[in-house]
Protein backbone atom coordinates (compact mmCIF):
# COMPACT_ATOMS: atom_id res chain seq x y z
CA MET A 1 13.56 20.87 -10.36
CA LYS A 2 12.99 24.97 -9.99
CA ASN A 3 14.80 26.72 -13.22
CA ASN A 4 15.62 30.52 -13.08
CA VAL A 5 15.23 31.62 -16.92
CA LYS A 6 15.53 34.93 -18.64
CA VAL A 7 13.06 35.21 -21.52
CA ASN A 8 13.18 38.25 -24.50
CA ILE A 9 9.69 39.04 -25.32
CA TYR A 10 8.83 40.94 -27.75
CA GLY A 11 11.92 43.96 -26.93
CA ARG A 12 11.30 42.76 -22.75
CA SER A 13 13.40 41.17 -21.05
CA TYR A 14 11.31 38.75 -18.29
CA PRO A 15 12.90 36.85 -15.33
CA MET A 16 11.09 33.62 -14.64
CA ILE A 17 11.08 30.14 -12.58
CA THR A 18 9.96 27.09 -14.03
CA GLU A 19 9.63 23.93 -13.69
CA ASP A 20 10.28 23.10 -17.25
CA SER A 21 13.54 23.12 -19.02
CA PRO A 22 14.80 26.27 -19.76
CA GLU A 23 15.21 25.69 -23.50
CA TYR A 24 11.47 24.72 -23.37
CA THR A 25 10.32 27.78 -22.18
CA GLU A 26 12.90 29.66 -24.75
CA LYS A 27 11.24 28.20 -27.62
CA LEU A 28 8.02 29.36 -26.11
CA ALA A 29 8.74 33.11 -25.28
CA ALA A 30 10.12 32.73 -29.52
CA THR A 31 6.78 30.95 -30.64
CA LEU A 32 4.92 33.96 -28.89
CA ASN A 33 7.82 36.28 -30.39
CA ASP A 34 6.74 35.21 -33.92
CA ARG A 35 3.13 35.34 -33.27
CA PHE A 36 3.61 39.20 -32.09
CA GLN A 37 5.96 39.30 -35.59
CA ARG A 38 3.07 38.02 -37.59
CA LEU A 39 0.13 40.10 -35.60
CA ARG A 40 1.84 43.46 -36.13
CA SER A 41 2.93 42.96 -40.05
CA GLN A 42 -0.89 42.41 -39.97
CA LYS A 43 -1.83 45.38 -38.09
CA PRO A 44 0.92 47.81 -37.34
CA THR A 45 -1.20 50.16 -36.09
CA LEU A 46 -1.93 48.17 -33.14
CA SER A 47 -0.08 48.73 -29.59
CA ILE A 48 1.68 46.28 -28.29
CA GLN A 49 -0.68 45.98 -25.44
CA ASP A 50 -3.71 45.57 -27.98
CA ALA A 51 -1.12 42.64 -29.55
CA ALA A 52 -0.62 41.43 -26.32
CA ALA A 53 -4.44 41.14 -25.78
CA ILE A 54 -5.51 39.56 -28.64
CA ILE A 55 -2.81 36.88 -28.89
CA SER A 56 -3.77 35.71 -25.18
CA LEU A 57 -7.96 35.66 -26.79
CA GLU A 58 -5.66 33.04 -29.62
CA CYS A 59 -4.27 31.32 -27.28
CA LEU A 60 -6.98 31.15 -24.55
CA ASP A 61 -9.02 29.40 -28.02
CA GLU A 62 -6.49 27.00 -29.01
CA LEU A 63 -6.31 25.99 -25.47
CA ILE A 64 -10.45 24.96 -25.21
CA LYS A 65 -10.72 24.01 -28.03
CA ASN A 66 -7.88 21.61 -27.53
CA LYS A 67 -9.37 20.51 -23.88
CA GLN A 68 -12.68 20.21 -26.10
CA ALA A 69 -11.07 17.89 -28.38
CA GLU A 70 -9.28 15.31 -25.99
CA GLN A 71 -12.46 14.85 -24.36
CA ASN A 72 -13.66 14.10 -27.11
CA ILE A 73 -11.21 11.18 -28.06
CA ARG A 74 -11.41 10.64 -24.52
CA THR A 75 -15.35 9.33 -25.16
CA GLN A 76 -14.25 8.06 -28.23
CA ILE A 77 -11.60 5.67 -26.77
CA SER A 78 -13.84 4.68 -23.91
CA ALA A 79 -16.75 3.34 -26.39
CA TYR A 80 -13.98 1.51 -28.45
CA ALA A 81 -13.26 -0.12 -24.91
CA ASP A 82 -16.85 -1.18 -24.53
CA ASP A 83 -16.55 -2.24 -27.63
CA ALA A 84 -13.53 -4.69 -27.33
CA ASN A 85 -14.98 -5.47 -24.10
CA GLU A 86 -17.89 -6.64 -26.13
CA SER A 87 -16.34 -8.75 -28.55
CA ARG A 88 -14.62 -10.36 -25.90
CA ALA A 89 -17.59 -11.68 -24.30
CA GLU A 90 -18.87 -12.48 -27.29
CA ALA A 91 -15.78 -14.68 -28.90
CA GLU A 92 -15.97 -16.45 -25.39
CA LYS A 93 -19.59 -17.33 -25.87
CA MET A 94 -18.48 -18.86 -29.31
CA ARG A 95 -15.66 -20.49 -27.72
CA LYS A 96 -17.77 -22.18 -24.97
CA GLU A 97 -20.55 -23.22 -27.72
CA ILE A 98 -17.77 -24.56 -30.16
CA ALA A 99 -16.26 -26.56 -27.01
CA GLU A 100 -19.86 -27.60 -26.07
CA LEU A 101 -20.15 -28.60 -30.01
CA LYS A 102 -17.07 -30.63 -30.14
CA GLU A 103 -18.05 -32.41 -27.14
CA ARG A 104 -21.91 -33.42 -28.21
CA ILE A 105 -19.19 -34.74 -32.02
CA ARG A 106 -17.43 -36.59 -29.39
CA GLN A 107 -20.64 -38.25 -28.03
CA LEU A 108 -22.46 -38.72 -31.25
CA GLU A 109 -19.34 -40.54 -32.80
CA SER A 110 -18.41 -42.46 -29.48
CA GLU A 111 -22.55 -43.41 -29.52
CA LYS A 112 -22.14 -44.52 -33.08
CA LYS A 113 -19.16 -47.44 -32.19
CA HIS A 114 -21.40 -48.77 -29.63
CA ARG A 115 -24.97 -49.12 -31.20
CA PRO A 116 -25.69 -52.09 -34.04
CA GLU A 117 -28.05 -49.73 -35.34
CA PHE A 118 -24.99 -47.40 -37.21
CA ALA A 119 -23.22 -50.49 -38.30
CA ASP A 120 -23.88 -48.75 -41.80
CA ASN A 121 -21.78 -45.84 -42.51
CA SER A 122 -23.86 -43.85 -45.02
CA ALA A 123 -26.94 -44.09 -42.27
CA THR A 124 -24.45 -43.22 -39.19
CA ASP A 125 -22.73 -40.26 -41.05
CA GLN A 126 -26.39 -39.18 -42.58
CA VAL A 127 -27.62 -39.64 -38.12
CA VAL A 128 -23.92 -37.73 -37.04
CA HIS A 129 -24.66 -34.76 -39.74
CA SER A 130 -28.24 -34.58 -38.52
CA SER A 131 -27.67 -33.60 -35.21
CA ILE A 132 -25.23 -31.58 -35.76
CA GLY A 133 -26.98 -29.77 -38.23
CA ARG A 134 -30.02 -29.27 -35.55
CA VAL A 135 -27.80 -28.48 -32.86
CA LEU A 136 -26.33 -26.05 -35.68
CA GLY A 137 -29.59 -24.87 -36.29
CA GLN A 138 -29.43 -26.18 -39.99
CA PRO A 139 -32.09 -27.37 -41.64
CA PRO A 140 -32.88 -31.21 -41.52
CA LEU A 141 -31.40 -33.67 -43.83
CA ASN A 142 -33.48 -35.07 -47.05
CA THR A 143 -33.41 -38.41 -46.14
CA ASN A 144 -34.85 -39.76 -49.51
CA ARG A 145 -32.92 -42.51 -50.45
CA ASN A 146 -33.36 -41.56 -54.35
CA ASN A 147 -30.85 -38.78 -53.60
CA GLY A 148 -28.48 -40.13 -51.81
CA GLY A 149 -29.48 -38.71 -48.53
CA LYS A 150 -27.65 -35.54 -50.12
CA ARG A 151 -29.77 -31.84 -48.54
């Protein structure tokens, strides 16, 4: 919706047609008037046209720097999203590996029940732990009976 707004900028009235709210447009004009006041108080000999040109350059500088900062933020967000996707993929891979290891443990425990050579629980535990260790990439268990089968 278009709004008819009349704003006063440094002593001159400007009728405007804008899609922004009248309050917003009036706030912009007030901010511009404040900038004029500050600049003219610092350099009282500046003409209104010179002050307007300087303020225009300052505003353009702010706009360009803000757009650059916005682009930098977008680039960072994109990199964070890529990192998050990689982490999700790695987590899924780890979940699958855990599921496979759990299944292997289940198989070993089932095998333990059905094989007579595993009747001695300490020997059975050694075989199961050794198999689990191999799957996890750990060094083999020390099977020397003198130390009780400990690593």
